[in-house]
PDB file of N, CA and C in Angstrom:
ATOM      1  N   MET A   1       0.907  -1.059  -0.035  1.00  0.00           N
ATOM      2  CA  MET A   1      -0.051  -0.071  -0.025  1.00  0.00           C
ATOM      3  C   MET A   1       1.123   1.329   0.138  1.00  0.00           C
ATOM      4  N   GLU A   2       0.676   2.113  -1.001  1.00  0.00           N
ATOM      5  CA  GLU A   2       1.207   3.312  -0.825  1.00  0.00           C
ATOM      6  C   GLU A   2       0.696   4.472  -0.242  1.00  0.00           C
ATOM      7  N   VAL A   3       1.424   5.402   0.291  1.00  0.00           N
ATOM      8  CA  VAL A   3       0.901   6.649   1.067  1.00  0.00           C
ATOM      9  C   VAL A   3       1.068   7.764  -0.037  1.00  0.00           C
ATOM     10  N   VAL A   4       0.191   8.492  -0.280  1.00  0.00           N
ATOM     11  CA  VAL A   4       0.484   9.848  -1.055  1.00  0.00           C
ATOM     12  C   VAL A   4       0.063  11.135  -0.074  1.00  0.00           C
ATOM     13  N   CYS A   5       1.140  11.761  -0.150  1.00  0.00           N
ATOM     14  CA  CYS A   5       1.157  13.296   0.489  1.00  0.00           C
ATOM     15  C   CYS A   5       0.963  14.275  -0.441  1.00  0.00           C
ATOM     16  N   LEU A   6      -0.250  15.008  -0.113  1.00  0.00           N
ATOM     17  CA  LEU A   6      -0.153  16.139  -0.667  1.00  0.00           C
ATOM     18  C   LEU A   6      -0.296  17.554   0.075  1.00  0.00           C
ATOM     19  N   GLN A   7       0.099  18.455  -0.617  1.00  0.00           N
ATOM     20  CA  GLN A   7       0.330  19.992   0.071  1.00  0.00           C
ATOM     21  C   GLN A   7      -1.378  20.044   0.280  1.00  0.00           C
ATOM     22  N   GLU A   8      -1.519  20.845   1.157  1.00  0.00           N
ATOM     23  CA  GLU A   8      -2.965  21.345   1.699  1.00  0.00           C
ATOM     24  C   GLU A   8      -3.809  21.959   0.216  1.00  0.00           C
ATOM     25  N   GLU A   9      -3.135  22.942  -0.550  1.00  0.00           N
ATOM     26  CA  GLU A   9      -3.537  23.738  -1.559  1.00  0.00           C
ATOM     27  C   GLU A   9      -4.056  22.481  -2.646  1.00  0.00           C
ATOM     28  N   ALA A  10      -2.861  21.784  -2.822  1.00  0.00           N
ATOM     29  CA  ALA A  10      -3.206  20.671  -3.997  1.00  0.00           C
ATOM     30  C   ALA A  10      -4.190  19.759  -3.687  1.00  0.00           C
ATOM     31  N   PHE A  11      -4.603  19.366  -2.237  1.00  0.00           N
ATOM     32  CA  PHE A  11      -5.563  18.535  -1.790  1.00  0.00           C
ATOM     33  C   PHE A  11      -6.941  19.088  -2.332  1.00  0.00           C
ATOM     34  N   TYR A  12      -7.092  20.318  -1.679  1.00  0.00           N
ATOM     35  CA  TYR A  12      -8.382  21.252  -2.110  1.00  0.00           C
ATOM     36  C   TYR A  12      -8.720  21.357  -3.512  1.00  0.00           C
ATOM     37  N   ALA A  13      -7.486  21.263  -4.322  1.00  0.00           N
ATOM     38  CA  ALA A  13      -7.839  21.563  -5.765  1.00  0.00           C
ATOM     39  C   ALA A  13      -8.157  20.274  -6.466  1.00  0.00           C
ATOM     40  N   LEU A  14      -7.590  19.280  -6.041  1.00  0.00           N
ATOM     41  CA  LEU A  14      -8.093  17.707  -6.282  1.00  0.00           C
ATOM     42  C   LEU A  14      -9.523  17.585  -5.920  1.00  0.00           C
ATOM     43  N   PHE A  15      -9.887  17.811  -4.552  1.00  0.00           N
ATOM     44  CA  PHE A  15     -11.251  17.600  -4.116  1.00  0.00           C
ATOM     45  C   PHE A  15     -12.358  18.620  -5.009  1.00  0.00           C
ATOM     46  N   ASP A  16     -11.971  19.808  -5.274  1.00  0.00           N
ATOM     47  CA  ASP A  16     -12.793  20.565  -6.175  1.00  0.00           C
ATOM     48  C   ASP A  16     -12.937  19.869  -7.386  1.00  0.00           C
ATOM     49  N   LYS A  17     -11.988  19.363  -8.040  1.00  0.00           N
ATOM     50  CA  LYS A  17     -12.052  18.600  -9.465  1.00  0.00           C
ATOM     51  C   LYS A  17     -12.918  17.444  -9.162  1.00  0.00           C
ATOM     52  N   VAL A  18     -12.718  16.796  -8.101  1.00  0.00           N
ATOM     53  CA  VAL A  18     -13.702  15.357  -7.879  1.00  0.00           C
ATOM     54  C   VAL A  18     -15.154  15.862  -7.863  1.00  0.00           C
ATOM     55  N   VAL A  19     -15.536  16.838  -7.018  1.00  0.00           N
ATOM     56  CA  VAL A  19     -16.706  17.194  -6.779  1.00  0.00           C
ATOM     57  C   VAL A  19     -17.216  17.828  -8.301  1.00  0.00           C
ATOM     58  N   GLU A  20     -16.687  18.674  -8.851  1.00  0.00           N
ATOM     59  CA  GLU A  20     -17.048  19.239 -10.273  1.00  0.00           C
ATOM     60  C   GLU A  20     -17.392  17.916 -11.128  1.00  0.00           C
ATOM     61  N   TYR A  21     -16.632  16.753 -11.252  1.00  0.00           N
ATOM     62  CA  TYR A  21     -16.754  15.758 -12.090  1.00  0.00           C
ATOM     63  C   TYR A  21     -17.909  14.965 -11.602  1.00  0.00           C
ATOM     64  N   VAL A  22     -18.175  14.723 -10.419  1.00  0.00           N
ATOM     65  CA  VAL A  22     -19.567  14.017  -9.971  1.00  0.00           C
ATOM     66  C   VAL A  22     -20.677  14.713 -10.200  1.00  0.00           C
ATOM     67  N   GLU A  23     -20.575  15.834 -10.065  1.00  0.00           N
ATOM     68  CA  GLU A  23     -21.921  16.903 -10.470  1.00  0.00           C
ATOM     69  C   GLU A  23     -22.072  17.055 -11.975  1.00  0.00           C
ATOM     70  N   SER A  24     -21.153  16.861 -12.787  1.00  0.00           N
ATOM     71  CA  SER A  24     -21.154  16.804 -14.153  1.00  0.00           C
ATOM     72  C   SER A  24     -21.873  15.512 -14.757  1.00  0.00           C
ATOM     73  N   LYS A  25     -21.579  14.588 -13.796  1.00  0.00           N
ATOM     74  CA  LYS A  25     -22.258  13.093 -14.294  1.00  0.00           C
ATOM     75  C   LYS A  25     -23.692  12.984 -13.731  1.00  0.00           C
ATOM     76  N   ARG A  26     -23.894  13.717 -12.497  1.00  0.00           N
ATOM     77  CA  ARG A  26     -25.238  13.441 -12.185  1.00  0.00           C
ATOM     78  C   ARG A  26     -26.205  14.021 -13.120  1.00  0.00           C
ATOM     79  N   LYS A  27     -27.537  13.275 -13.177  1.00  0.00           N
ATOM     80  CA  LYS A  27     -28.516  13.778 -14.313  1.00  0.00           C
ATOM     81  C   LYS A  27     -29.466  14.573 -13.296  1.00  0.00           C
ATOM     82  N   TYR A  28     -29.825  15.519 -13.955  1.00  0.00           N
ATOM     83  CA  TYR A  28     -31.021  16.479 -13.425  1.00  0.00           C
ATOM     84  C   TYR A  28     -32.178  15.828 -13.588  1.00  0.00           C
ATOM     85  N   ILE A  29     -33.046  15.567 -12.655  1.00  0.00           N
ATOM     86  CA  ILE A  29     -34.400  15.006 -12.787  1.00  0.00           C
ATOM     87  C   ILE A  29     -35.292  16.029 -12.319  1.00  0.00           C
ATOM     88  N   PRO A  30     -36.108  16.482 -13.199  1.00  0.00           N
ATOM     89  CA  PRO A  30     -36.877  17.660 -12.569  1.00  0.00           C
ATOM     90  C   PRO A  30     -38.012  17.126 -11.758  1.00  0.00           C
ATOM     91  N   ALA A  31     -38.477  17.815 -10.794  1.00  0.00           N
ATOM     92  CA  ALA A  31     -39.478  17.377  -9.767  1.00  0.00           C
ATOM     93  C   ALA A  31     -40.815  17.341 -10.535  1.00  0.00           C
ATOM     94  N   LYS A  32     -41.579  15.862  -9.890  1.00  0.00           N
ATOM     95  CA  LYS A  32     -42.998  15.855 -10.353  1.00  0.00           C
ATOM     96  C   LYS A  32     -43.787  16.974 -10.149  1.00  0.00           C
ATOM     97  N   TRP A  33     -43.729  17.312  -8.855  1.00  0.00           N
ATOM     98  CA  TRP A  33     -44.807  18.459  -8.607  1.00  0.00           C
ATOM     99  C   TRP A  33     -44.015  19.631  -8.476  1.00  0.00           C
ATOM    100  N   ILE A  34     -44.766  20.706  -8.876  1.00  0.00           N
ATOM    101  CA  ILE A  34     -44.082  22.067  -9.188  1.00  0.00           C
ATOM    102  C   ILE A  34     -45.085  23.117  -8.531  1.00  0.00           C
ATOM    103  N   ASP A  35     -44.688  24.285  -8.270  1.00  0.00           N
ATOM    104  CA  ASP A  35     -45.171  25.431  -7.653  1.00  0.00           C
ATOM    105  C   ASP A  35     -45.954  25.990  -8.775  1.00  0.00           C
ATOM    106  N   ALA A  36     -46.868  26.965  -8.368  1.00  0.00           N
ATOM    107  CA  ALA A  36     -47.669  27.861  -9.383  1.00  0.00           C
ATOM    108  C   ALA A  36     -46.657  28.742 -10.370  1.00  0.00           C
ATOM    109  N   GLN A  37     -45.615  29.178  -9.936  1.00  0.00           N
ATOM    110  CA  GLN A  37     -44.711  30.000 -10.450  1.00  0.00           C
ATOM    111  C   GLN A  37     -44.151  29.054 -11.768  1.00  0.00           C
ATOM    112  N   GLU A  38     -43.650  27.815 -11.444  1.00  0.00           N
ATOM    113  CA  GLU A  38     -43.044  27.198 -12.484  1.00  0.00           C
ATOM    114  C   GLU A  38     -43.858  26.512 -13.394  1.00  0.00           C
ATOM    115  N   ALA A  39     -45.153  26.324 -13.054  1.00  0.00           N
ATOM    116  CA  ALA A  39     -46.214  25.921 -13.948  1.00  0.00           C
ATOM    117  C   ALA A  39     -46.492  26.916 -14.870  1.00  0.00           C
ATOM    118  N   MET A  40     -46.658  28.270 -14.456  1.00  0.00           N
ATOM    119  CA  MET A  40     -46.985  29.396 -15.266  1.00  0.00           C
ATOM    120  C   MET A  40     -46.000  29.332 -16.420  1.00  0.00           C
ATOM    121  N   ILE A  41     -44.650  29.021 -15.870  1.00  0.00           N
ATOM    122  CA  ILE A  41     -43.664  29.572 -16.868  1.00  0.00           C
ATOM    123  C   ILE A  41     -43.486  28.350 -17.821  1.00  0.00           C
ATOM    124  N   LEU A  42     -43.889  26.877 -17.446  1.00  0.00           N
ATOM    125  CA  LEU A  42     -43.899  25.823 -18.433  1.00  0.00           C
ATOM    126  C   LEU A  42     -45.075  26.274 -19.516  1.00  0.00           C
ATOM    127  N   LEU A  43     -46.175  26.818 -19.023  1.00  0.00           N
ATOM    128  CA  LEU A  43     -47.367  26.899 -19.934  1.00  0.00           C
ATOM    129  C   LEU A  43     -47.267  28.434 -20.420  1.00  0.00           C
ATOM    130  N   ASN A  44     -46.113  29.008 -20.209  1.00  0.00           N
ATOM    131  CA  ASN A  44     -46.135  30.587 -20.804  1.00  0.00           C
ATOM    132  C   ASN A  44     -47.297  31.406 -20.617  1.00  0.00           C
ATOM    133  N   ILE A  45     -47.689  31.420 -19.460  1.00  0.00           N
ATOM    134  CA  ILE A  45     -48.978  32.211 -19.066  1.00  0.00           C
ATOM    135  C   ILE A  45     -48.529  33.363 -17.968  1.00  0.00           C
ATOM    136  N   LYS A  46     -48.995  34.265 -17.977  1.00  0.00           N
ATOM    137  CA  LYS A  46     -48.617  35.070 -16.727  1.00  0.00           C
ATOM    138  C   LYS A  46     -49.643  35.444 -15.793  1.00  0.00           C
ATOM    139  N   SER A  47     -50.733  34.632 -16.077  1.00  0.00           N
ATOM    140  CA  SER A  47     -52.150  35.171 -15.153  1.00  0.00           C
ATOM    141  C   SER A  47     -52.206  34.026 -14.405  1.00  0.00           C
ATOM    142  N   THR A  48     -52.429  34.145 -12.852  1.00  0.00           N
ATOM    143  CA  THR A  48     -52.861  33.049 -11.913  1.00  0.00           C
ATOM    144  C   THR A  48     -54.181  32.606 -12.166  1.00  0.00           C
ATOM    145  N   THR A  49     -54.903  33.346 -12.884  1.00  0.00           N
ATOM    146  CA  THR A  49     -56.379  33.194 -12.968  1.00  0.00           C
ATOM    147  C   THR A  49     -56.512  32.597 -14.091  1.00  0.00           C
ATOM    148  N   THR A  50     -55.731  32.456 -15.196  1.00  0.00           N
ATOM    149  CA  THR A  50     -55.647  31.513 -16.155  1.00  0.00           C
ATOM    150  C   THR A  50     -55.206  29.984 -15.652  1.00  0.00           C
ATOM    151  N   LEU A  51     -54.174  29.984 -14.723  1.00  0.00           N
ATOM    152  CA  LEU A  51     -53.756  28.844 -14.087  1.00  0.00           C
ATOM    153  C   LEU A  51     -55.083  28.219 -13.576  1.00  0.00           C
ATOM    154  N   GLN A  52     -55.770  29.145 -12.579  1.00  0.00           N
ATOM    155  CA  GLN A  52     -56.678  28.599 -11.948  1.00  0.00           C
ATOM    156  C   GLN A  52     -57.832  27.919 -12.560  1.00  0.00           C
ATOM    157  N   LYS A  53     -58.091  28.478 -13.886  1.00  0.00           N
ATOM    158  CA  LYS A  53     -59.154  28.204 -14.677  1.00  0.00           C
ATOM    159  C   LYS A  53     -58.768  26.740 -15.273  1.00  0.00           C
ATOM    160  N   LEU A  54     -57.771  26.513 -15.648  1.00  0.00           N
ATOM    161  CA  LEU A  54     -57.201  25.269 -16.085  1.00  0.00           C
ATOM    162  C   LEU A  54     -57.309  24.333 -14.953  1.00  0.00           C
ATOM    163  N   ARG A  55     -57.057  24.488 -13.843  1.00  0.00           N
ATOM    164  CA  ARG A  55     -57.120  23.575 -12.582  1.00  0.00           C
ATOM    165  C   ARG A  55     -58.484  23.151 -12.558  1.00  0.00           C
ATOM    166  N   ASP A  56     -59.552  24.400 -12.435  1.00  0.00           N
ATOM    167  CA  ASP A  56     -60.772  24.148 -12.168  1.00  0.00           C
ATOM    168  C   ASP A  56     -61.587  23.202 -13.430  1.00  0.00           C
ATOM    169  N   LYS A  57     -61.117  23.434 -14.608  1.00  0.00           N
ATOM    170  CA  LYS A  57     -61.874  22.832 -15.713  1.00  0.00           C
ATOM    171  C   LYS A  57     -61.517  21.430 -15.786  1.00  0.00           C
ATOM    172  N   GLY A  58     -60.360  21.058 -14.927  1.00  0.00           N
ATOM    173  CA  GLY A  58     -59.420  19.706 -15.085  1.00  0.00           C
ATOM    174  C   GLY A  58     -58.581  19.398 -16.107  1.00  0.00           C
ATOM    175  N   LYS A  59     -58.099  20.559 -16.611  1.00  0.00           N
ATOM    176  CA  LYS A  59     -57.034  20.352 -17.558  1.00  0.00           C
ATOM    177  C   LYS A  59     -55.637  19.747 -17.447  1.00  0.00           C
ATOM    178  N   ILE A  60     -55.559  20.337 -16.179  1.00  0.00           N
ATOM    179  CA  ILE A  60     -54.063  19.874 -15.466  1.00  0.00           C
ATOM    180  C   ILE A  60     -54.334  19.281 -14.198  1.00  0.00           C
ATOM    181  N   ARG A  61     -53.568  18.513 -13.804  1.00  0.00           N
ATOM    182  CA  ARG A  61     -53.751  17.721 -12.303  1.00  0.00           C
ATOM    183  C   ARG A  61     -52.900  18.632 -11.217  1.00  0.00           C
ATOM    184  N   PHE A  62     -53.460  18.751 -10.034  1.00  0.00           N
ATOM    185  CA  PHE A  62     -52.895  19.492  -9.119  1.00  0.00           C
ATOM    186  C   PHE A  62     -53.276  18.515  -7.848  1.00  0.00           C
ATOM    187  N   SER A  63     -52.524  19.184  -6.691  1.00  0.00           N
ATOM    188  CA  SER A  63     -52.463  18.440  -5.418  1.00  0.00           C
ATOM    189  C   SER A  63     -52.572  19.578  -4.381  1.00  0.00           C
ATOM    190  N   GLN A  64     -53.289  19.332  -3.404  1.00  0.00           N
ATOM    191  CA  GLN A  64     -53.442  20.678  -2.550  1.00  0.00           C
ATOM    192  C   GLN A  64     -53.237  19.983  -1.127  1.00  0.00           C
ATOM    193  N   PRO A  65     -51.935  19.587  -0.701  1.00  0.00           N
ATOM    194  CA  PRO A  65     -51.404  18.998   0.677  1.00  0.00           C
ATOM    195  C   PRO A  65     -51.949  19.954   1.827  1.00  0.00           C
ATOM    196  N   GLN A  66     -51.940  21.412   1.546  1.00  0.00           N
ATOM    197  CA  GLN A  66     -52.297  22.246   2.541  1.00  0.00           C
ATOM    198  C   GLN A  66     -53.067  23.327   1.955  1.00  0.00           C
ATOM    199  N   LYS A  67     -53.922  23.836   2.983  1.00  0.00           N
ATOM    200  CA  LYS A  67     -55.048  24.866   2.502  1.00  0.00           C
ATOM    201  C   LYS A  67     -54.515  25.911   1.435  1.00  0.00           C
ATOM    202  N   LYS A  68     -53.203  26.517   1.701  1.00  0.00           N
ATOM    203  CA  LYS A  68     -52.831  27.261   0.598  1.00  0.00           C
ATOM    204  C   LYS A  68     -51.728  26.949  -0.188  1.00  0.00           C
ATOM    205  N   ILE A  69     -51.415  25.765  -0.252  1.00  0.00           N
ATOM    206  CA  ILE A  69     -50.351  25.392  -0.985  1.00  0.00           C
ATOM    207  C   ILE A  69     -50.988  24.423  -2.056  1.00  0.00           C
ATOM    208  N   ILE A  70     -50.762  24.780  -3.335  1.00  0.00           N
ATOM    209  CA  ILE A  70     -51.127  24.148  -4.379  1.00  0.00           C
ATOM    210  C   ILE A  70     -49.833  23.753  -5.278  1.00  0.00           C
ATOM    211  N   LEU A  71     -49.895  22.282  -5.658  1.00  0.00           N
ATOM    212  CA  LEU A  71     -48.885  21.939  -6.589  1.00  0.00           C
ATOM    213  C   LEU A  71     -49.291  21.199  -7.667  1.00  0.00           C
ATOM    214  N   TYR A  72     -48.599  21.399  -8.933  1.00  0.00           N
ATOM    215  CA  TYR A  72     -48.905  20.986 -10.223  1.00  0.00           C
ATOM    216  C   TYR A  72     -48.218  19.912 -10.718  1.00  0.00           C
ATOM    217  N   ASP A  73     -48.702  19.009 -11.293  1.00  0.00           N
ATOM    218  CA  ASP A  73     -48.220  17.755 -11.714  1.00  0.00           C
ATOM    219  C   ASP A  73     -47.529  18.366 -13.069  1.00  0.00           C
ATOM    220  N   ARG A  74     -46.053  18.095 -13.210  1.00  0.00           N
ATOM    221  CA  ARG A  74     -45.224  18.443 -14.518  1.00  0.00           C
ATOM    222  C   ARG A  74     -45.761  17.849 -15.849  1.00  0.00           C
ATOM    223  N   ASP A  75     -45.819  16.566 -15.438  1.00  0.00           N
ATOM    224  CA  ASP A  75     -46.443  15.457 -16.516  1.00  0.00           C
ATOM    225  C   ASP A  75     -47.315  15.965 -17.375  1.00  0.00           C
ATOM    226  N   SER A  76     -48.725  16.251 -16.148  1.00  0.00           N
ATOM    227  CA  SER A  76     -50.098  16.617 -16.902  1.00  0.00           C
ATOM    228  C   SER A  76     -49.828  17.927 -17.442  1.00  0.00           C
ATOM    229  N   ILE A  77     -49.002  18.843 -17.395  1.00  0.00           N
ATOM    230  CA  ILE A  77     -48.851  20.232 -17.861  1.00  0.00           C
ATOM    231  C   ILE A  77     -48.235  19.861 -19.333  1.00  0.00           C
ATOM    232  N   ILE A  78     -47.164  18.909 -19.417  1.00  0.00           N
ATOM    233  CA  ILE A  78     -46.713  18.652 -20.752  1.00  0.00           C
ATOM    234  C   ILE A  78     -47.461  18.047 -21.408  1.00  0.00           C
ATOM    235  N   GLU A  79     -48.552  17.016 -21.069  1.00  0.00           N
ATOM    236  CA  GLU A  79     -49.546  16.417 -21.726  1.00  0.00           C
ATOM    237  C   GLU A  79     -50.651  17.593 -22.416  1.00  0.00           C
ATOM    238  N   TYR A  80     -50.919  18.253 -21.566  1.00  0.00           N
ATOM    239  CA  TYR A  80     -51.757  19.445 -22.059  1.00  0.00           C
ATOM    240  C   TYR A  80     -51.009  20.139 -23.130  1.00  0.00           C
ATOM    241  N   ILE A  81     -50.097  20.412 -22.897  1.00  0.00           N
ATOM    242  CA  ILE A  81     -49.131  21.407 -24.192  1.00  0.00           C
ATOM    243  C   ILE A  81     -49.387  20.505 -25.479  1.00  0.00           C
ATOM    244  N   GLU A  82     -48.695  19.289 -25.336  1.00  0.00           N
ATOM    245  CA  GLU A  82     -48.829  18.159 -26.311  1.00  0.00           C
ATOM    246  C   GLU A  82     -50.116  18.136 -27.089  1.00  0.00           C
ATOM    247  N   ARG A  83     -51.212  17.769 -26.234  1.00  0.00           N
ATOM    248  CA  ARG A  83     -52.478  17.670 -26.798  1.00  0.00           C
ATOM    249  C   ARG A  83     -52.887  18.962 -27.669  1.00  0.00           C
ATOM    250  N   HIS A  84     -52.419  20.201 -27.243  1.00  0.00           N
ATOM    251  CA  HIS A  84     -52.833  21.240 -28.043  1.00  0.00           C
ATOM    252  C   HIS A  84     -51.925  21.588 -29.235  1.00  0.00           C
ATOM    253  N   ALA A  85     -50.701  20.883 -29.566  1.00  0.00           N
ATOM    254  CA  ALA A  85     -49.978  21.053 -30.367  1.00  0.00           C
ATOM    255  C   ALA A  85     -50.472  20.869 -31.582  1.00  0.00           C
ATOM    256  N   ARG A  86     -50.240  21.665 -32.573  1.00  0.00           N
ATOM    257  CA  ARG A  86     -50.686  21.485 -33.938  1.00  0.00           C
ATOM    258  C   ARG A  86     -49.509  21.148 -34.815  1.00  0.00           C
ATOM    259  N   GLU A  87     -50.002  20.160 -35.713  1.00  0.00           N
ATOM    260  CA  GLU A  87     -48.940  19.515 -36.717  1.00  0.00           C
ATOM    261  C   GLU A  87     -48.743  20.532 -37.818  1.00  0.00           C
ATOM    262  N   LYS A  88     -47.333  20.345 -38.288  1.00  0.00           N
ATOM    263  CA  LYS A  88     -47.100  21.409 -39.618  1.00  0.00           C
ATOM    264  C   LYS A  88     -47.841  20.949 -40.818  1.00  0.00           C
ATOM    265  N   PHE A  89     -47.956  21.585 -41.786  1.00  0.00           N
ATOM    266  CA  PHE A  89     -48.882  21.347 -42.969  1.00  0.00           C
ATOM    267  C   PHE A  89     -48.115  20.591 -43.759  1.00  0.00           C
TER     268      PHE A  89
END
C-alpha cells in the first residue's frame, strides 16, 4: 500500500475537481410536483387566474397538500401542451 502526501492547496484543488466531475455526471431529474410559478413558466402564461381556470376545468392535475399550497403535476402540464400542439402542414 502506498501513501500519497499532498500539500493542502493541492488536496483542495483535487477535491474541487472530484466534486465538479461528480456533479457533471449526475443527471438532473426535474421534480414531479411544481409550484404555481414554475407551472406558469412551463405554460407560458402570466396570469394566476388562467392557471386556476385550467385547474378548475380539470385540464391539468394538481394536489393541495395544505390549505394554501397548491402543487401542479409537471407531466400533466406537458401532456396538456402536447394535446394542443398543431402539426405542420
